[in-house]
Amino acid sequence: MGCCSPNYHEEVKQKEEEINQAEKESIPFWMKVISILIVLGSLGYYWL
């Protein structure tokens, strides 16, 4: 598993793709949570 391994570049690309995929999945989740909190907060303010 050194830098001279023939599969080293392929393994690095696979790990980068996994990390990028994980980041893409986590961003919409947090946007959903924030948007739900905003909507619930505005509805709560409206009903008070």
N, C-alpha and C. Protein backbone atom coordinates (compact mmCIF):
# COMPACT_ATOMS: atom_id res chain seq x y z
N MET A 1 0.83 -1.21 0.00
CA MET A 1 0.00 0.00 0.00
C MET A 1 0.86 1.25 0.00
N GLY A 2 1.91 1.25 -0.74
CA GLY A 2 2.73 2.45 -0.83
C GLY A 2 2.29 3.30 -2.00
N CYS A 3 3.00 4.37 -2.20
CA CYS A 3 2.66 5.27 -3.30
C CYS A 3 3.01 4.64 -4.65
N CYS A 4 3.80 3.59 -4.64
CA CYS A 4 4.22 2.96 -5.89
C CYS A 4 3.33 1.78 -6.25
N SER A 5 2.35 1.48 -5.46
CA SER A 5 1.45 0.36 -5.75
C SER A 5 0.64 0.67 -7.00
N PRO A 6 0.45 -0.30 -7.87
CA PRO A 6 -0.31 -0.03 -9.11
C PRO A 6 -1.77 0.32 -8.85
N ASN A 7 -2.33 -0.11 -7.73
CA ASN A 7 -3.73 0.17 -7.42
C ASN A 7 -3.90 1.39 -6.51
N TYR A 8 -2.81 2.06 -6.19
CA TYR A 8 -2.87 3.17 -5.23
C TYR A 8 -3.78 4.29 -5.72
N HIS A 9 -3.62 4.69 -6.98
CA HIS A 9 -4.43 5.80 -7.49
C HIS A 9 -5.90 5.42 -7.57
N GLU A 10 -6.19 4.19 -7.90
CA GLU A 10 -7.59 3.75 -7.95
C GLU A 10 -8.20 3.74 -6.55
N GLU A 11 -7.43 3.31 -5.56
CA GLU A 11 -7.93 3.29 -4.19
C GLU A 11 -8.19 4.70 -3.69
N VAL A 12 -7.31 5.62 -4.03
CA VAL A 12 -7.50 7.02 -3.61
C VAL A 12 -8.75 7.59 -4.26
N LYS A 13 -8.95 7.30 -5.54
CA LYS A 13 -10.15 7.81 -6.23
C LYS A 13 -11.41 7.24 -5.60
N GLN A 14 -11.39 5.96 -5.24
CA GLN A 14 -12.57 5.34 -4.62
C GLN A 14 -12.87 5.98 -3.26
N LYS A 15 -11.84 6.23 -2.48
CA LYS A 15 -12.05 6.86 -1.17
C LYS A 15 -12.57 8.28 -1.32
N GLU A 16 -12.06 9.02 -2.30
CA GLU A 16 -12.55 10.38 -2.54
C GLU A 16 -14.01 10.36 -2.95
N GLU A 17 -14.39 9.40 -3.80
CA GLU A 17 -15.78 9.30 -4.22
C GLU A 17 -16.69 8.97 -3.04
N GLU A 18 -16.23 8.09 -2.14
CA GLU A 18 -17.04 7.76 -0.97
C GLU A 18 -17.22 8.98 -0.08
N ILE A 19 -16.17 9.74 0.12
CA ILE A 19 -16.26 10.94 0.96
C ILE A 19 -17.17 11.97 0.32
N ASN A 20 -17.03 12.17 -0.98
CA ASN A 20 -17.88 13.14 -1.67
C ASN A 20 -19.34 12.71 -1.63
N GLN A 21 -19.60 11.42 -1.76
CA GLN A 21 -20.97 10.94 -1.70
C GLN A 21 -21.55 11.16 -0.31
N ALA A 22 -20.78 10.93 0.72
CA ALA A 22 -21.25 11.14 2.08
C ALA A 22 -21.56 12.61 2.33
N GLU A 23 -20.75 13.51 1.79
CA GLU A 23 -20.99 14.94 1.96
C GLU A 23 -22.25 15.36 1.22
N LYS A 24 -22.48 14.81 0.04
CA LYS A 24 -23.68 15.18 -0.72
C LYS A 24 -24.94 14.73 0.00
N GLU A 25 -24.89 13.59 0.68
CA GLU A 25 -26.06 13.10 1.38
C GLU A 25 -26.32 13.87 2.66
N SER A 26 -25.30 14.38 3.32
CA SER A 26 -25.49 15.04 4.61
C SER A 26 -25.99 16.47 4.46
N ILE A 27 -25.67 17.15 3.40
CA ILE A 27 -26.08 18.55 3.25
C ILE A 27 -27.60 18.68 3.11
N PRO A 28 -28.26 17.92 2.25
CA PRO A 28 -29.72 18.07 2.17
C PRO A 28 -30.42 17.72 3.48
N PHE A 29 -29.89 16.79 4.25
CA PHE A 29 -30.51 16.44 5.53
C PHE A 29 -30.53 17.64 6.45
N TRP A 30 -29.41 18.35 6.57
CA TRP A 30 -29.36 19.52 7.45
C TRP A 30 -30.22 20.65 6.90
N MET A 31 -30.30 20.77 5.59
CA MET A 31 -31.18 21.80 5.02
C MET A 31 -32.64 21.48 5.34
N LYS A 32 -32.99 20.20 5.32
CA LYS A 32 -34.35 19.81 5.66
C LYS A 32 -34.66 20.13 7.11
N VAL A 33 -33.72 19.82 8.00
CA VAL A 33 -33.93 20.07 9.43
C VAL A 33 -34.12 21.56 9.68
N ILE A 34 -33.26 22.38 9.08
CA ILE A 34 -33.36 23.83 9.28
C ILE A 34 -34.67 24.37 8.72
N SER A 35 -35.06 23.89 7.53
CA SER A 35 -36.30 24.39 6.94
C SER A 35 -37.52 23.97 7.76
N ILE A 36 -37.50 22.75 8.29
CA ILE A 36 -38.61 22.30 9.13
C ILE A 36 -38.70 23.14 10.40
N LEU A 37 -37.55 23.44 11.00
CA LEU A 37 -37.56 24.28 12.21
C LEU A 37 -38.10 25.67 11.90
N ILE A 38 -37.74 26.23 10.76
CA ILE A 38 -38.24 27.56 10.39
C ILE A 38 -39.76 27.52 10.19
N VAL A 39 -40.24 26.50 9.50
CA VAL A 39 -41.68 26.39 9.25
C VAL A 39 -42.44 26.20 10.56
N LEU A 40 -41.95 25.31 11.41
CA LEU A 40 -42.63 25.09 12.68
C LEU A 40 -42.58 26.33 13.57
N GLY A 41 -41.45 27.03 13.54
CA GLY A 41 -41.36 28.25 14.32
C GLY A 41 -42.33 29.32 13.83
N SER A 42 -42.47 29.44 12.53
CA SER A 42 -43.38 30.46 12.00
C SER A 42 -44.84 30.07 12.27
N LEU A 43 -45.14 28.78 12.20
CA LEU A 43 -46.51 28.35 12.52
C LEU A 43 -46.79 28.56 14.01
N GLY A 44 -45.83 28.26 14.86
CA GLY A 44 -46.01 28.48 16.29
C GLY A 44 -46.21 29.95 16.60
N TYR A 45 -45.46 30.81 15.92
CA TYR A 45 -45.62 32.25 16.13
C TYR A 45 -46.99 32.72 15.63
N TYR A 46 -47.44 32.14 14.54
CA TYR A 46 -48.73 32.53 13.98
C TYR A 46 -49.88 32.15 14.91
N TRP A 47 -49.78 30.98 15.56
CA TRP A 47 -50.87 30.52 16.41
C TRP A 47 -50.86 31.15 17.79
N LEU A 48 -49.80 31.85 18.15
CA LEU A 48 -49.76 32.49 19.48
C LEU A 48 -50.51 33.79 19.50
